[in-house]
Amino acid sequence: MTATLVTDSLRMAMWKRRPKAGLLVHSDRGSQYVSGSYQELLADNDFICSMSRKACCWDNAVAESFFHTLKTELIYHEDFQTMEEAQQAIFEYIEVFYNRQRKHSTNGYLAPFSYEQQLAEVA
């Protein structure tokens, strides 16, 4: 994984979601996340960098749980022929199914998108 991949991903998320200053951005201690370009992007947007403690996998429990779900619900059931095919399937899983349809017990059995909409109505 490169710094370009994570900075491009964060830029795409920022463009789509328009987060405000003070956003807490959590990651592990991978070199791509401590890179100058990624840290500069966080600082330029007044985002708060949150990193796992060294050798503490529990800090990333939410992310690890998501990747387990992605693998068991999609990846292990597919035989992708090309990288583009895999990227499209993963994009559709996350954007179409996981965020908009898949119910989550931690969100009161709402999909993440519905949960965020509900929070926005309260705010």
PDB file of N, CA and C in Angstrom:
ATOM      1  N   MET A   1       0.848  -1.169   0.000  1.00  0.00           N
ATOM      2  CA  MET A   1       0.000   0.000   0.000  1.00  0.00           C
ATOM      3  C   MET A   1       0.896   1.235   0.000  1.00  0.00           C
ATOM      4  N   THR A   2       0.502   2.214  -0.774  1.00  0.00           N
ATOM      5  CA  THR A   2       1.312   3.425  -0.898  1.00  0.00           C
ATOM      6  C   THR A   2       0.613   4.618  -0.266  1.00  0.00           C
ATOM      7  N   ALA A   3       1.402   5.644  -0.020  1.00  0.00           N
ATOM      8  CA  ALA A   3       0.832   6.886   0.503  1.00  0.00           C
ATOM      9  C   ALA A   3      -0.151   7.474  -0.499  1.00  0.00           C
ATOM     10  N   THR A   4       0.128   7.325  -1.780  1.00  0.00           N
ATOM     11  CA  THR A   4      -0.772   7.852  -2.808  1.00  0.00           C
ATOM     12  C   THR A   4      -2.145   7.209  -2.711  1.00  0.00           C
ATOM     13  N   LEU A   5      -2.181   5.912  -2.476  1.00  0.00           N
ATOM     14  CA  LEU A   5      -3.466   5.217  -2.364  1.00  0.00           C
ATOM     15  C   LEU A   5      -4.296   5.765  -1.215  1.00  0.00           C
ATOM     16  N   VAL A   6      -3.687   5.936  -0.057  1.00  0.00           N
ATOM     17  CA  VAL A   6      -4.464   6.407   1.097  1.00  0.00           C
ATOM     18  C   VAL A   6      -4.797   7.892   0.997  1.00  0.00           C
ATOM     19  N   THR A   7      -3.913   8.703   0.434  1.00  0.00           N
ATOM     20  CA  THR A   7      -4.249  10.121   0.270  1.00  0.00           C
ATOM     21  C   THR A   7      -5.357  10.283  -0.774  1.00  0.00           C
ATOM     22  N   ASP A   8      -5.281   9.527  -1.864  1.00  0.00           N
ATOM     23  CA  ASP A   8      -6.344   9.589  -2.872  1.00  0.00           C
ATOM     24  C   ASP A   8      -7.680   9.116  -2.288  1.00  0.00           C
ATOM     25  N   SER A   9      -7.637   8.071  -1.472  1.00  0.00           N
ATOM     26  CA  SER A   9      -8.864   7.557  -0.844  1.00  0.00           C
ATOM     27  C   SER A   9      -9.462   8.584   0.104  1.00  0.00           C
ATOM     28  N   LEU A  10      -8.619   9.229   0.889  1.00  0.00           N
ATOM     29  CA  LEU A  10      -9.110  10.255   1.808  1.00  0.00           C
ATOM     30  C   LEU A  10      -9.676  11.438   1.036  1.00  0.00           C
ATOM     31  N   ARG A  11      -9.009  11.840  -0.030  1.00  0.00           N
ATOM     32  CA  ARG A  11      -9.526  12.951  -0.851  1.00  0.00           C
ATOM     33  C   ARG A  11     -10.895  12.601  -1.435  1.00  0.00           C
ATOM     34  N   MET A  12     -11.053  11.371  -1.903  1.00  0.00           N
ATOM     35  CA  MET A  12     -12.330  10.952  -2.467  1.00  0.00           C
ATOM     36  C   MET A  12     -13.415  10.985  -1.390  1.00  0.00           C
ATOM     37  N   ALA A  13     -13.090  10.492  -0.197  1.00  0.00           N
ATOM     38  CA  ALA A  13     -14.054  10.511   0.905  1.00  0.00           C
ATOM     39  C   ALA A  13     -14.403  11.955   1.285  1.00  0.00           C
ATOM     40  N   MET A  14     -13.402  12.824   1.276  1.00  0.00           N
ATOM     41  CA  MET A  14     -13.649  14.232   1.617  1.00  0.00           C
ATOM     42  C   MET A  14     -14.555  14.878   0.572  1.00  0.00           C
ATOM     43  N   TRP A  15     -14.317  14.590  -0.688  1.00  0.00           N
ATOM     44  CA  TRP A  15     -15.134  15.150  -1.759  1.00  0.00           C
ATOM     45  C   TRP A  15     -16.579  14.677  -1.634  1.00  0.00           C
ATOM     46  N   LYS A  16     -16.732  13.396  -1.325  1.00  0.00           N
ATOM     47  CA  LYS A  16     -18.071  12.824  -1.260  1.00  0.00           C
ATOM     48  C   LYS A  16     -18.822  13.204   0.005  1.00  0.00           C
ATOM     49  N   ARG A  17     -18.143  13.222   1.135  1.00  0.00           N
ATOM     50  CA  ARG A  17     -18.821  13.389   2.419  1.00  0.00           C
ATOM     51  C   ARG A  17     -18.719  14.794   2.999  1.00  0.00           C
ATOM     52  N   ARG A  18     -17.772  15.590   2.555  1.00  0.00           N
ATOM     53  CA  ARG A  18     -17.603  16.970   3.029  1.00  0.00           C
ATOM     54  C   ARG A  18     -17.480  17.071   4.553  1.00  0.00           C
ATOM     55  N   PRO A  19     -16.531  16.363   5.152  1.00  0.00           N
ATOM     56  CA  PRO A  19     -16.405  16.416   6.614  1.00  0.00           C
ATOM     57  C   PRO A  19     -15.899  17.772   7.090  1.00  0.00           C
ATOM     58  N   LYS A  20     -16.242  18.084   8.318  1.00  0.00           N
ATOM     59  CA  LYS A  20     -15.830  19.348   8.916  1.00  0.00           C
ATOM     60  C   LYS A  20     -14.484  19.201   9.612  1.00  0.00           C
ATOM     61  N   ALA A  21     -13.863  20.327   9.893  1.00  0.00           N
ATOM     62  CA  ALA A  21     -12.628  20.335  10.672  1.00  0.00           C
ATOM     63  C   ALA A  21     -12.899  19.632  12.000  1.00  0.00           C
ATOM     64  N   GLY A  22     -11.877  18.980  12.510  1.00  0.00           N
ATOM     65  CA  GLY A  22     -12.020  18.266  13.759  1.00  0.00           C
ATOM     66  C   GLY A  22     -12.353  16.788  13.577  1.00  0.00           C
ATOM     67  N   LEU A  23     -12.526  16.355  12.316  1.00  0.00           N
ATOM     68  CA  LEU A  23     -12.814  14.952  12.045  1.00  0.00           C
ATOM     69  C   LEU A  23     -11.700  14.077  12.604  1.00  0.00           C
ATOM     70  N   LEU A  24     -12.059  13.039  13.316  1.00  0.00           N
ATOM     71  CA  LEU A  24     -11.099  12.085  13.856  1.00  0.00           C
ATOM     72  C   LEU A  24     -10.864  11.007  12.806  1.00  0.00           C
ATOM     73  N   VAL A  25      -9.622  10.886  12.339  1.00  0.00           N
ATOM     74  CA  VAL A  25      -9.261   9.914  11.311  1.00  0.00           C
ATOM     75  C   VAL A  25      -8.348   8.870  11.945  1.00  0.00           C
ATOM     76  N   HIS A  26      -8.859   7.638  12.049  1.00  0.00           N
ATOM     77  CA  HIS A  26      -8.108   6.582  12.720  1.00  0.00           C
ATOM     78  C   HIS A  26      -7.428   5.665  11.708  1.00  0.00           C
ATOM     79  N   SER A  27      -6.212   5.247  12.029  1.00  0.00           N
ATOM     80  CA  SER A  27      -5.478   4.297  11.181  1.00  0.00           C
ATOM     81  C   SER A  27      -4.506   3.517  12.048  1.00  0.00           C
ATOM     82  N   ASP A  28      -3.850   2.560  11.398  1.00  0.00           N
ATOM     83  CA  ASP A  28      -2.765   1.886  12.103  1.00  0.00           C
ATOM     84  C   ASP A  28      -1.480   2.682  11.849  1.00  0.00           C
ATOM     85  N   ARG A  29      -0.339   2.117  12.210  1.00  0.00           N
ATOM     86  CA  ARG A  29       0.925   2.837  12.087  1.00  0.00           C
ATOM     87  C   ARG A  29       1.677   2.510  10.799  1.00  0.00           C
ATOM     88  N   GLY A  30       0.976   2.099   9.782  1.00  0.00           N
ATOM     89  CA  GLY A  30       1.609   1.787   8.504  1.00  0.00           C
ATOM     90  C   GLY A  30       2.323   3.001   7.929  1.00  0.00           C
ATOM     91  N   SER A  31       3.375   2.732   7.164  1.00  0.00           N
ATOM     92  CA  SER A  31       4.188   3.820   6.617  1.00  0.00           C
ATOM     93  C   SER A  31       3.382   4.775   5.753  1.00  0.00           C
ATOM     94  N   GLN A  32       2.347   4.265   5.084  1.00  0.00           N
ATOM     95  CA  GLN A  32       1.522   5.137   4.244  1.00  0.00           C
ATOM     96  C   GLN A  32       0.767   6.166   5.070  1.00  0.00           C
ATOM     97  N   TYR A  33       0.418   5.808   6.318  1.00  0.00           N
ATOM     98  CA  TYR A  33      -0.338   6.724   7.173  1.00  0.00           C
ATOM     99  C   TYR A  33       0.552   7.717   7.921  1.00  0.00           C
ATOM    100  N   VAL A  34       1.816   7.396   8.084  1.00  0.00           N
ATOM    101  CA  VAL A  34       2.738   8.335   8.728  1.00  0.00           C
ATOM    102  C   VAL A  34       3.511   9.151   7.697  1.00  0.00           C
ATOM    103  N   SER A  35       3.241   8.897   6.421  1.00  0.00           N
ATOM    104  CA  SER A  35       3.926   9.621   5.354  1.00  0.00           C
ATOM    105  C   SER A  35       3.641  11.112   5.439  1.00  0.00           C
ATOM    106  N   GLY A  36       4.562  11.888   4.955  1.00  0.00           N
ATOM    107  CA  GLY A  36       4.408  13.343   4.957  1.00  0.00           C
ATOM    108  C   GLY A  36       3.187  13.798   4.198  1.00  0.00           C
ATOM    109  N   SER A  37       2.913  13.193   3.037  1.00  0.00           N
ATOM    110  CA  SER A  37       1.778  13.641   2.221  1.00  0.00           C
ATOM    111  C   SER A  37       0.444  13.370   2.904  1.00  0.00           C
ATOM    112  N   TYR A  38       0.321  12.229   3.569  1.00  0.00           N
ATOM    113  CA  TYR A  38      -0.935  11.903   4.261  1.00  0.00           C
ATOM    114  C   TYR A  38      -1.113  12.794   5.482  1.00  0.00           C
ATOM    115  N   GLN A  39      -0.066  12.948   6.259  1.00  0.00           N
ATOM    116  CA  GLN A  39      -0.144  13.795   7.458  1.00  0.00           C
ATOM    117  C   GLN A  39      -0.408  15.253   7.084  1.00  0.00           C
ATOM    118  N   GLU A  40       0.160  15.703   5.985  1.00  0.00           N
ATOM    119  CA  GLU A  40      -0.070  17.070   5.507  1.00  0.00           C
ATOM    120  C   GLU A  40      -1.529  17.264   5.097  1.00  0.00           C
ATOM    121  N   LEU A  41      -2.098  16.262   4.428  1.00  0.00           N
ATOM    122  CA  LEU A  41      -3.502  16.338   4.033  1.00  0.00           C
ATOM    123  C   LEU A  41      -4.406  16.435   5.259  1.00  0.00           C
ATOM    124  N   LEU A  42      -4.101  15.656   6.288  1.00  0.00           N
ATOM    125  CA  LEU A  42      -4.872  15.736   7.530  1.00  0.00           C
ATOM    126  C   LEU A  42      -4.758  17.136   8.144  1.00  0.00           C
ATOM    127  N   ALA A  43      -3.521  17.625   8.258  1.00  0.00           N
ATOM    128  CA  ALA A  43      -3.280  18.928   8.881  1.00  0.00           C
ATOM    129  C   ALA A  43      -3.923  20.056   8.082  1.00  0.00           C
ATOM    130  N   ASP A  44      -3.826  20.003   6.756  1.00  0.00           N
ATOM    131  CA  ASP A  44      -4.401  21.051   5.905  1.00  0.00           C
ATOM    132  C   ASP A  44      -5.916  21.170   6.067  1.00  0.00           C
ATOM    133  N   ASN A  45      -6.546  20.081   6.475  1.00  0.00           N
ATOM    134  CA  ASN A  45      -7.998  20.079   6.625  1.00  0.00           C
ATOM    135  C   ASN A  45      -8.446  20.100   8.083  1.00  0.00           C
ATOM    136  N   ASP A  46      -7.475  20.318   8.976  1.00  0.00           N
ATOM    137  CA  ASP A  46      -7.750  20.361  10.423  1.00  0.00           C
ATOM    138  C   ASP A  46      -8.421  19.091  10.930  1.00  0.00           C
ATOM    139  N   PHE A  47      -7.961  17.941  10.390  1.00  0.00           N
ATOM    140  CA  PHE A  47      -8.440  16.650  10.858  1.00  0.00           C
ATOM    141  C   PHE A  47      -7.516  16.174  11.970  1.00  0.00           C
ATOM    142  N   ILE A  48      -8.049  15.390  12.874  1.00  0.00           N
ATOM    143  CA  ILE A  48      -7.271  14.868  13.990  1.00  0.00           C
ATOM    144  C   ILE A  48      -6.794  13.465  13.644  1.00  0.00           C
ATOM    145  N   CYS A  49      -5.510  13.259  13.698  1.00  0.00           N
ATOM    146  CA  CYS A  49      -4.913  11.962  13.385  1.00  0.00           C
ATOM    147  C   CYS A  49      -4.950  11.079  14.634  1.00  0.00           C
ATOM    148  N   SER A  50      -5.543   9.914  14.497  1.00  0.00           N
ATOM    149  CA  SER A  50      -5.600   8.941  15.582  1.00  0.00           C
ATOM    150  C   SER A  50      -4.954   7.659  15.069  1.00  0.00           C
ATOM    151  N   MET A  51      -3.940   7.209  15.766  1.00  0.00           N
ATOM    152  CA  MET A  51      -3.255   5.984  15.343  1.00  0.00           C
ATOM    153  C   MET A  51      -3.280   4.948  16.445  1.00  0.00           C
ATOM    154  N   SER A  52      -3.246   3.707  16.016  1.00  0.00           N
ATOM    155  CA  SER A  52      -3.182   2.596  16.963  1.00  0.00           C
ATOM    156  C   SER A  52      -1.916   2.699  17.789  1.00  0.00           C
ATOM    157  N   ARG A  53      -2.022   2.175  18.981  1.00  0.00           N
ATOM    158  CA  ARG A  53      -0.816   2.042  19.781  1.00  0.00           C
ATOM    159  C   ARG A  53       0.021   0.909  19.200  1.00  0.00           C
ATOM    160  N   LYS A  54       1.292   0.976  19.380  1.00  0.00           N
ATOM    161  CA  LYS A  54       2.186  -0.050  18.856  1.00  0.00           C
ATOM    162  C   LYS A  54       1.797  -1.418  19.418  1.00  0.00           C
ATOM    163  N   ALA A  55       1.647  -2.380  18.514  1.00  0.00           N
ATOM    164  CA  ALA A  55       1.355  -3.781  18.844  1.00  0.00           C
ATOM    165  C   ALA A  55       0.028  -3.962  19.589  1.00  0.00           C
ATOM    166  N   CYS A  56      -0.924  -3.080  19.333  1.00  0.00           N
ATOM    167  CA  CYS A  56      -2.224  -3.194  19.996  1.00  0.00           C
ATOM    168  C   CYS A  56      -3.317  -3.333  18.936  1.00  0.00           C
ATOM    169  N   CYS A  57      -3.615  -4.560  18.583  1.00  0.00           N
ATOM    170  CA  CYS A  57      -4.587  -4.802  17.517  1.00  0.00           C
ATOM    171  C   CYS A  57      -5.999  -4.371  17.895  1.00  0.00           C
ATOM    172  N   TRP A  58      -6.293  -4.253  19.188  1.00  0.00           N
ATOM    173  CA  TRP A  58      -7.642  -3.897  19.607  1.00  0.00           C
ATOM    174  C   TRP A  58      -8.012  -2.482  19.178  1.00  0.00           C
ATOM    175  N   ASP A  59      -7.029  -1.624  18.959  1.00  0.00           N
ATOM    176  CA  ASP A  59      -7.317  -0.265  18.510  1.00  0.00           C
ATOM    177  C   ASP A  59      -8.004  -0.259  17.145  1.00  0.00           C
ATOM    178  N   ASN A  60      -7.764  -1.292  16.368  1.00  0.00           N
ATOM    179  CA  ASN A  60      -8.332  -1.371  15.025  1.00  0.00           C
ATOM    180  C   ASN A  60      -9.473  -2.376  14.936  1.00  0.00           C
ATOM    181  N   ALA A  61     -10.120  -2.668  16.031  1.00  0.00           N
ATOM    182  CA  ALA A  61     -11.144  -3.710  16.054  1.00  0.00           C
ATOM    183  C   ALA A  61     -12.265  -3.444  15.047  1.00  0.00           C
ATOM    184  N   VAL A  62     -12.701  -2.211  14.922  1.00  0.00           N
ATOM    185  CA  VAL A  62     -13.787  -1.903  13.989  1.00  0.00           C
ATOM    186  C   VAL A  62     -13.347  -2.158  12.549  1.00  0.00           C
ATOM    187  N   ALA A  63     -12.163  -1.685  12.201  1.00  0.00           N
ATOM    188  CA  ALA A  63     -11.654  -1.911  10.843  1.00  0.00           C
ATOM    189  C   ALA A  63     -11.420  -3.394  10.578  1.00  0.00           C
ATOM    190  N   GLU A  64     -10.851  -4.077  11.544  1.00  0.00           N
ATOM    191  CA  GLU A  64     -10.607  -5.512  11.377  1.00  0.00           C
ATOM    192  C   GLU A  64     -11.922  -6.262  11.204  1.00  0.00           C
ATOM    193  N   SER A  65     -12.937  -5.877  11.940  1.00  0.00           N
ATOM    194  CA  SER A  65     -14.248  -6.504  11.810  1.00  0.00           C
ATOM    195  C   SER A  65     -14.820  -6.267  10.413  1.00  0.00           C
ATOM    196  N   PHE A  66     -14.677  -5.042   9.903  1.00  0.00           N
ATOM    197  CA  PHE A  66     -15.167  -4.746   8.555  1.00  0.00           C
ATOM    198  C   PHE A  66     -14.473  -5.611   7.522  1.00  0.00           C
ATOM    199  N   PHE A  67     -13.149  -5.707   7.594  1.00  0.00           N
ATOM    200  CA  PHE A  67     -12.419  -6.497   6.593  1.00  0.00           C
ATOM    201  C   PHE A  67     -12.767  -7.980   6.695  1.00  0.00           C
ATOM    202  N   HIS A  68     -13.019  -8.472   7.898  1.00  0.00           N
ATOM    203  CA  HIS A  68     -13.474  -9.855   8.047  1.00  0.00           C
ATOM    204  C   HIS A  68     -14.813 -10.041   7.338  1.00  0.00           C
ATOM    205  N   THR A  69     -15.726  -9.104   7.544  1.00  0.00           N
ATOM    206  CA  THR A  69     -17.039  -9.165   6.914  1.00  0.00           C
ATOM    207  C   THR A  69     -16.916  -9.104   5.397  1.00  0.00           C
ATOM    208  N   LEU A  70     -16.109  -8.191   4.896  1.00  0.00           N
ATOM    209  CA  LEU A  70     -15.889  -8.072   3.455  1.00  0.00           C
ATOM    210  C   LEU A  70     -15.377  -9.391   2.870  1.00  0.00           C
ATOM    211  N   LYS A  71     -14.422  -9.987   3.536  1.00  0.00           N
ATOM    212  CA  LYS A  71     -13.853 -11.243   3.037  1.00  0.00           C
ATOM    213  C   LYS A  71     -14.864 -12.380   3.063  1.00  0.00           C
ATOM    214  N   THR A  72     -15.595 -12.504   4.171  1.00  0.00           N
ATOM    215  CA  THR A  72     -16.513 -13.641   4.284  1.00  0.00           C
ATOM    216  C   THR A  72     -17.790 -13.460   3.474  1.00  0.00           C
ATOM    217  N   GLU A  73     -18.227 -12.220   3.266  1.00  0.00           N
ATOM    218  CA  GLU A  73     -19.457 -11.993   2.509  1.00  0.00           C
ATOM    219  C   GLU A  73     -19.225 -11.808   1.012  1.00  0.00           C
ATOM    220  N   LEU A  74     -17.986 -11.495   0.611  1.00  0.00           N
ATOM    221  CA  LEU A  74     -17.730 -11.251  -0.807  1.00  0.00           C
ATOM    222  C   LEU A  74     -16.499 -11.984  -1.332  1.00  0.00           C
ATOM    223  N   ILE A  75     -15.348 -11.638  -0.821  1.00  0.00           N
ATOM    224  CA  ILE A  75     -14.079 -12.076  -1.409  1.00  0.00           C
ATOM    225  C   ILE A  75     -13.953 -13.592  -1.511  1.00  0.00           C
ATOM    226  N   TYR A  76     -14.245 -14.303  -0.432  1.00  0.00           N
ATOM    227  CA  TYR A  76     -14.063 -15.760  -0.429  1.00  0.00           C
ATOM    228  C   TYR A  76     -15.032 -16.493  -1.344  1.00  0.00           C
ATOM    229  N   HIS A  77     -16.079 -15.807  -1.802  1.00  0.00           N
ATOM    230  CA  HIS A  77     -17.079 -16.435  -2.662  1.00  0.00           C
ATOM    231  C   HIS A  77     -16.870 -16.119  -4.143  1.00  0.00           C
ATOM    232  N   GLU A  78     -15.858 -15.365  -4.456  1.00  0.00           N
ATOM    233  CA  GLU A  78     -15.626 -14.926  -5.827  1.00  0.00           C
ATOM    234  C   GLU A  78     -14.274 -15.405  -6.339  1.00  0.00           C
ATOM    235  N   ASP A  79     -14.171 -15.499  -7.645  1.00  0.00           N
ATOM    236  CA  ASP A  79     -12.903 -15.821  -8.303  1.00  0.00           C
ATOM    237  C   ASP A  79     -12.664 -14.729  -9.339  1.00  0.00           C
ATOM    238  N   PHE A  80     -12.102 -13.622  -8.892  1.00  0.00           N
ATOM    239  CA  PHE A  80     -11.904 -12.475  -9.770  1.00  0.00           C
ATOM    240  C   PHE A  80     -10.852 -12.791 -10.829  1.00  0.00           C
ATOM    241  N   GLN A  81     -11.149 -12.427 -12.050  1.00  0.00           N
ATOM    242  CA  GLN A  81     -10.222 -12.674 -13.152  1.00  0.00           C
ATOM    243  C   GLN A  81      -9.242 -11.517 -13.361  1.00  0.00           C
ATOM    244  N   THR A  82      -9.673 -10.311 -12.995  1.00  0.00           N
ATOM    245  CA  THR A  82      -8.814  -9.141 -13.175  1.00  0.00           C
ATOM    246  C   THR A  82      -8.904  -8.249 -11.937  1.00  0.00           C
ATOM    247  N   MET A  83      -7.933  -7.373 -11.807  1.00  0.00           N
ATOM    248  CA  MET A  83      -7.936  -6.404 -10.712  1.00  0.00           C
ATOM    249  C   MET A  83      -9.136  -5.473 -10.840  1.00  0.00           C
ATOM    250  N   GLU A  84      -9.464  -5.084 -12.061  1.00  0.00           N
ATOM    251  CA  GLU A  84     -10.598  -4.196 -12.289  1.00  0.00           C
ATOM    252  C   GLU A  84     -11.907  -4.854 -11.846  1.00  0.00           C
ATOM    253  N   GLU A  85     -12.041  -6.144 -12.112  1.00  0.00           N
ATOM    254  CA  GLU A  85     -13.232  -6.880 -11.695  1.00  0.00           C
ATOM    255  C   GLU A  85     -13.344  -6.895 -10.165  1.00  0.00           C
ATOM    256  N   ALA A  86     -12.237  -7.122  -9.509  1.00  0.00           N
ATOM    257  CA  ALA A  86     -12.224  -7.123  -8.043  1.00  0.00           C
ATOM    258  C   ALA A  86     -12.557  -5.738  -7.505  1.00  0.00           C
ATOM    259  N   GLN A  87     -11.953  -4.710  -8.077  1.00  0.00           N
ATOM    260  CA  GLN A  87     -12.214  -3.341  -7.618  1.00  0.00           C
ATOM    261  C   GLN A  87     -13.681  -2.975  -7.774  1.00  0.00           C
ATOM    262  N   GLN A  88     -14.285  -3.343  -8.891  1.00  0.00           N
ATOM    263  CA  GLN A  88     -15.698  -3.028  -9.128  1.00  0.00           C
ATOM    264  C   GLN A  88     -16.591  -3.763  -8.142  1.00  0.00           C
ATOM    265  N   ALA A  89     -16.309  -5.028  -7.901  1.00  0.00           N
ATOM    266  CA  ALA A  89     -17.123  -5.815  -6.967  1.00  0.00           C
ATOM    267  C   ALA A  89     -17.009  -5.263  -5.548  1.00  0.00           C
ATOM    268  N   ILE A  90     -15.808  -4.883  -5.149  1.00  0.00           N
ATOM    269  CA  ILE A  90     -15.602  -4.340  -3.802  1.00  0.00           C
ATOM    270  C   ILE A  90     -16.281  -2.979  -3.671  1.00  0.00           C
ATOM    271  N   PHE A  91     -16.166  -2.157  -4.699  1.00  0.00           N
ATOM    272  CA  PHE A  91     -16.844  -0.859  -4.694  1.00  0.00           C
ATOM    273  C   PHE A  91     -18.348  -1.050  -4.537  1.00  0.00           C
ATOM    274  N   GLU A  92     -18.926  -1.940  -5.328  1.00  0.00           N
ATOM    275  CA  GLU A  92     -20.370  -2.174  -5.261  1.00  0.00           C
ATOM    276  C   GLU A  92     -20.775  -2.744  -3.904  1.00  0.00           C
ATOM    277  N   TYR A  93     -19.965  -3.637  -3.354  1.00  0.00           N
ATOM    278  CA  TYR A  93     -20.264  -4.212  -2.042  1.00  0.00           C
ATOM    279  C   TYR A  93     -20.330  -3.108  -0.987  1.00  0.00           C
ATOM    280  N   ILE A  94     -19.319  -2.236  -0.990  1.00  0.00           N
ATOM    281  CA  ILE A  94     -19.256  -1.191   0.033  1.00  0.00           C
ATOM    282  C   ILE A  94     -20.304  -0.112  -0.198  1.00  0.00           C
ATOM    283  N   GLU A  95     -20.331   0.459  -1.398  1.00  0.00           N
ATOM    284  CA  GLU A  95     -21.185   1.614  -1.666  1.00  0.00           C
ATOM    285  C   GLU A  95     -22.661   1.267  -1.841  1.00  0.00           C
ATOM    286  N   VAL A  96     -22.953   0.131  -2.455  1.00  0.00           N
ATOM    287  CA  VAL A  96     -24.347  -0.212  -2.733  1.00  0.00           C
ATOM    288  C   VAL A  96     -24.938  -1.076  -1.624  1.00  0.00           C
ATOM    289  N   PHE A  97     -24.219  -2.105  -1.211  1.00  0.00           N
ATOM    290  CA  PHE A  97     -24.773  -3.027  -0.227  1.00  0.00           C
ATOM    291  C   PHE A  97     -24.439  -2.636   1.211  1.00  0.00           C
ATOM    292  N   TYR A  98     -23.168  -2.607   1.561  1.00  0.00           N
ATOM    293  CA  TYR A  98     -22.759  -2.447   2.962  1.00  0.00           C
ATOM    294  C   TYR A  98     -23.238  -1.124   3.552  1.00  0.00           C
ATOM    295  N   ASN A  99     -23.034  -0.034   2.861  1.00  0.00           N
ATOM    296  CA  ASN A  99     -23.394   1.285   3.410  1.00  0.00           C
ATOM    297  C   ASN A  99     -24.882   1.608   3.319  1.00  0.00           C
ATOM    298  N   ARG A 100     -25.590   1.022   2.356  1.00  0.00           N
ATOM    299  CA  ARG A 100     -26.978   1.434   2.123  1.00  0.00           C
ATOM    300  C   ARG A 100     -28.017   0.370   2.457  1.00  0.00           C
ATOM    301  N   GLN A 101     -27.599  -0.910   2.519  1.00  0.00           N
ATOM    302  CA  GLN A 101     -28.585  -1.966   2.738  1.00  0.00           C
ATOM    303  C   GLN A 101     -28.296  -2.843   3.944  1.00  0.00           C
ATOM    304  N   ARG A 102     -27.035  -3.149   4.199  1.00  0.00           N
ATOM    305  CA  ARG A 102     -26.697  -4.101   5.255  1.00  0.00           C
ATOM    306  C   ARG A 102     -26.963  -3.487   6.626  1.00  0.00           C
ATOM    307  N   LYS A 103     -27.802  -4.142   7.395  1.00  0.00           N
ATOM    308  CA  LYS A 103     -28.140  -3.659   8.735  1.00  0.00           C
ATOM    309  C   LYS A 103     -27.018  -3.993   9.712  1.00  0.00           C
ATOM    310  N   HIS A 104     -26.772  -3.090  10.656  1.00  0.00           N
ATOM    311  CA  HIS A 104     -25.698  -3.244  11.634  1.00  0.00           C
ATOM    312  C   HIS A 104     -26.288  -3.166  13.041  1.00  0.00           C
ATOM    313  N   SER A 105     -25.962  -4.138  13.852  1.00  0.00           N
ATOM    314  CA  SER A 105     -26.513  -4.161  15.215  1.00  0.00           C
ATOM    315  C   SER A 105     -26.066  -2.944  16.020  1.00  0.00           C
ATOM    316  N   THR A 106     -24.857  -2.445  15.774  1.00  0.00           N
ATOM    317  CA  THR A 106     -24.374  -1.290  16.539  1.00  0.00           C
ATOM    318  C   THR A 106     -25.072   0.006  16.147  1.00  0.00           C
ATOM    319  N   ASN A 107     -25.791  -0.004  15.025  1.00  0.00           N
ATOM    320  CA  ASN A 107     -26.535   1.173  14.563  1.00  0.00           C
ATOM    321  C   ASN A 107     -28.030   0.995  14.780  1.00  0.00           C
ATOM    322  N   GLY A 108     -28.414   0.157  15.718  1.00  0.00           N
ATOM    323  CA  GLY A 108     -29.844  -0.080  15.926  1.00  0.00           C
ATOM    324  C   GLY A 108     -30.481  -0.795  14.753  1.00  0.00           C
ATOM    325  N   TYR A 109     -29.721  -1.656  14.106  1.00  0.00           N
ATOM    326  CA  TYR A 109     -30.166  -2.429  12.942  1.00  0.00           C
ATOM    327  C   TYR A 109     -30.581  -1.551  11.764  1.00  0.00           C
ATOM    328  N   LEU A 110     -29.847  -0.464  11.600  1.00  0.00           N
ATOM    329  CA  LEU A 110     -29.981   0.390  10.419  1.00  0.00           C
ATOM    330  C   LEU A 110     -28.716   0.251   9.581  1.00  0.00           C
ATOM    331  N   ALA A 111     -28.829   0.484   8.288  1.00  0.00           N
ATOM    332  CA  ALA A 111     -27.650   0.571   7.435  1.00  0.00           C
ATOM    333  C   ALA A 111     -26.909   1.862   7.781  1.00  0.00           C
ATOM    334  N   PRO A 112     -25.597   1.923   7.593  1.00  0.00           N
ATOM    335  CA  PRO A 112     -24.844   3.128   7.948  1.00  0.00           C
ATOM    336  C   PRO A 112     -25.406   4.416   7.341  1.00  0.00           C
ATOM    337  N   PHE A 113     -25.796   4.372   6.082  1.00  0.00           N
ATOM    338  CA  PHE A 113     -26.339   5.569   5.438  1.00  0.00           C
ATOM    339  C   PHE A 113     -27.612   6.041   6.145  1.00  0.00           C
ATOM    340  N   SER A 114     -28.503   5.120   6.460  1.00  0.00           N
ATOM    341  CA  SER A 114     -29.745   5.467   7.164  1.00  0.00           C
ATOM    342  C   SER A 114     -29.453   6.004   8.559  1.00  0.00           C
ATOM    343  N   TYR A 115     -28.490   5.401   9.213  1.00  0.00           N
ATOM    344  CA  TYR A 115     -28.110   5.836  10.549  1.00  0.00           C
ATOM    345  C   TYR A 115     -27.580   7.269  10.517  1.00  0.00           C
ATOM    346  N   GLU A 116     -26.711   7.576   9.544  1.00  0.00           N
ATOM    347  CA  GLU A 116     -26.182   8.937   9.416  1.00  0.00           C
ATOM    348  C   GLU A 116     -27.288   9.930   9.102  1.00  0.00           C
ATOM    349  N   GLN A 117     -28.221   9.552   8.261  1.00  0.00           N
ATOM    350  CA  GLN A 117     -29.340  10.441   7.948  1.00  0.00           C
ATOM    351  C   GLN A 117     -30.152  10.737   9.204  1.00  0.00           C
ATOM    352  N   GLN A 118     -30.374   9.717  10.005  1.00  0.00           N
ATOM    353  CA  GLN A 118     -31.121   9.886  11.240  1.00  0.00           C
ATOM    354  C   GLN A 118     -30.381  10.836  12.198  1.00  0.00           C
ATOM    355  N   LEU A 119     -29.063  10.690  12.283  1.00  0.00           N
ATOM    356  CA  LEU A 119     -28.267  11.580  13.134  1.00  0.00           C
ATOM    357  C   LEU A 119     -28.320  13.021  12.616  1.00  0.00           C
ATOM    358  N   ALA A 120     -28.281  13.190  11.315  1.00  0.00           N
ATOM    359  CA  ALA A 120     -28.311  14.540  10.730  1.00  0.00           C
ATOM    360  C   ALA A 120     -29.640  15.233  11.016  1.00  0.00           C
ATOM    361  N   GLU A 121     -30.722  14.475  11.051  1.00  0.00           N
ATOM    362  CA  GLU A 121     -32.033  15.043  11.332  1.00  0.00           C
ATOM    363  C   GLU A 121     -32.122  15.542  12.776  1.00  0.00           C
ATOM    364  N   VAL A 122     -31.428  14.863  13.676  1.00  0.00           N
ATOM    365  CA  VAL A 122     -31.436  15.234  15.090  1.00  0.00           C
ATOM    366  C   VAL A 122     -30.582  16.467  15.321  1.00  0.00           C
ATOM    367  N   ALA A 123     -29.494  16.591  14.568  1.00  0.00           N
ATOM    368  CA  ALA A 123     -28.535  17.690  14.772  1.00  0.00           C
ATOM    369  C   ALA A 123     -29.011  19.005  14.293  1.00  0.00           C
TER     370      ALA A 123
END
